[in-house]
């Protein structure tokens, strides 16, 4: 049974930092492209960042330079370090695992940036 479990969300002030984690089970983690997506109320889900099995990364323009995606294949975990957070980063953040037609999602974790 495939499971992606996100953690690390919460309430943070503008300019603050959070680190999201996504622990995967039931998949051969190392071969999957792992990604973080987010969805704010009234908006479509959007790409935040992805990391390939080889470690190549891709970021949305809105987060480039502030967010860093990384993975630890030994721990079957992908991370999203979020710095210099802005109110517009407020959303539910979802972990994604993709390998060809296989596409898995976590349940999401809420990130709220507010003073």
Protein backbone atom coordinates (compact mmCIF):
# COMPACT_ATOMS: atom_id res chain seq x y z
CA UNK A 1 0.00 0.00 0.00
CA UNK A 2 1.45 3.33 -1.10
CA UNK A 3 1.52 6.08 1.50
CA UNK A 4 2.88 9.60 1.41
CA UNK A 5 2.69 11.33 4.76
CA UNK A 6 3.47 15.04 4.99
CA UNK A 7 4.46 16.85 8.16
CA UNK A 8 5.94 20.15 9.26
CA UNK A 9 3.20 22.59 8.33
CA UNK A 10 1.93 25.27 10.66
CA UNK A 11 1.55 28.96 11.32
CA UNK A 12 4.56 31.21 10.74
CA UNK A 13 5.09 34.95 10.54
CA UNK A 14 6.10 36.62 7.28
CA UNK A 15 9.83 36.27 6.77
CA UNK A 16 9.93 33.06 8.77
CA UNK A 17 10.90 29.53 7.81
CA UNK A 18 9.35 26.08 7.81
CA UNK A 19 10.60 22.67 6.75
CA UNK A 20 8.12 20.22 5.30
CA UNK A 21 8.79 16.49 5.21
CA UNK A 22 7.12 13.73 3.23
CA UNK A 23 7.76 10.14 4.23
CA UNK A 24 6.99 7.56 1.55
CA UNK A 25 6.22 3.87 1.91
CA UNK A 26 5.08 1.17 -0.47
CA UNK A 27 7.11 2.46 -3.42
CA UNK A 28 10.67 2.13 -4.68
CA UNK A 29 11.33 5.67 -3.55
CA UNK A 30 14.66 6.17 -5.28
CA UNK A 31 13.26 5.87 -8.81
CA UNK A 32 10.39 8.31 -8.35
CA UNK A 33 10.32 11.98 -9.23
CA UNK A 34 9.22 13.62 -6.00
CA UNK A 35 7.45 16.93 -5.89
CA UNK A 36 5.70 19.49 -3.75
CA UNK A 37 2.53 21.20 -4.92
CA UNK A 38 0.25 23.65 -3.19
CA UNK A 39 -3.34 24.77 -3.35
CA UNK A 40 -4.70 27.97 -1.87
CA UNK A 41 -8.44 28.49 -1.34
CA UNK A 42 -10.15 29.25 -4.65
CA UNK A 43 -7.03 28.40 -6.66
CA UNK A 44 -5.91 25.40 -8.66
CA UNK A 45 -3.19 23.16 -7.37
CA UNK A 46 0.17 24.41 -8.57
CA UNK A 47 3.69 23.08 -8.79
CA UNK A 48 6.13 24.30 -6.15
CA UNK A 49 9.20 22.15 -6.77
CA UNK A 50 10.29 18.77 -8.06
CA UNK A 51 13.40 16.63 -7.68
CA UNK A 52 14.32 13.73 -9.93
CA UNK A 53 15.87 10.43 -8.94
CA UNK A 54 19.21 11.88 -9.97
CA UNK A 55 18.77 14.99 -7.84
CA UNK A 56 17.89 17.52 -10.55
CA UNK A 57 15.55 20.17 -9.23
CA UNK A 58 12.91 22.46 -10.70
CA UNK A 59 11.14 25.35 -8.99
CA UNK A 60 8.19 27.60 -9.62
CA UNK A 61 9.33 31.13 -10.35
CA UNK A 62 7.45 32.40 -7.30
CA UNK A 63 9.56 30.33 -4.88
CA UNK A 64 12.94 30.18 -6.61
CA UNK A 65 15.67 31.40 -4.31
CA UNK A 66 13.50 30.99 -1.20
CA UNK A 67 12.56 27.30 -1.21
CA UNK A 68 14.83 24.26 -1.47
CA UNK A 69 13.70 20.73 -2.26
CA UNK A 70 15.86 17.79 -1.26
CA UNK A 71 15.55 14.05 -0.82
CA UNK A 72 17.07 11.34 1.34
CA UNK A 73 16.69 8.02 -0.47
CA UNK A 74 17.93 6.10 2.58
CA UNK A 75 15.02 7.50 4.59
CA UNK A 76 12.45 7.47 1.75
CA UNK A 77 11.82 11.12 2.53
CA UNK A 78 11.60 14.33 0.54
CA UNK A 79 11.91 17.75 2.14
CA UNK A 80 10.93 21.30 1.33
CA UNK A 81 12.86 24.01 3.16
CA UNK A 82 10.89 27.23 2.94
CA UNK A 83 12.58 30.50 3.86
CA UNK A 84 11.50 34.13 3.63
CA UNK A 85 7.89 33.05 3.69
CA UNK A 86 5.24 35.44 2.41
CA UNK A 87 1.48 35.58 3.06
CA UNK A 88 0.92 34.46 -0.53
CA UNK A 89 2.67 31.18 0.31
CA UNK A 90 -0.33 30.27 2.46
CA UNK A 91 -1.81 27.03 1.10
CA UNK A 92 -2.20 23.33 1.65
CA UNK A 93 1.05 21.71 0.54
CA UNK A 94 0.91 18.27 -1.06
CA UNK A 95 3.63 15.73 -1.64
CA UNK A 96 3.65 13.92 -4.98
CA UNK A 97 5.46 10.81 -6.22
CA UNK A 98 5.54 10.24 -9.97
CA UNK A 99 6.98 7.46 -12.11
CA UNK A 100 5.66 7.27 -15.67
CA UNK A 101 1.90 6.66 -15.30
CA UNK A 102 2.10 6.07 -11.54
CA UNK A 103 1.09 9.21 -9.67
CA UNK A 104 0.60 9.32 -5.91
CA UNK A 105 -0.43 12.10 -3.55
CA UNK A 106 -0.23 12.73 0.15
CA UNK A 107 -3.06 14.12 2.24
CA UNK A 108 -1.56 17.60 2.48
CA UNK A 109 -0.30 19.83 5.25
CA UNK A 110 -1.48 23.38 5.93
CA UNK A 111 1.01 26.24 5.80
CA UNK A 112 -0.26 29.61 6.98
CA UNK A 113 1.90 32.73 6.77
CA UNK A 114 0.41 35.52 8.82
CA UNK A 115 1.31 38.10 11.43
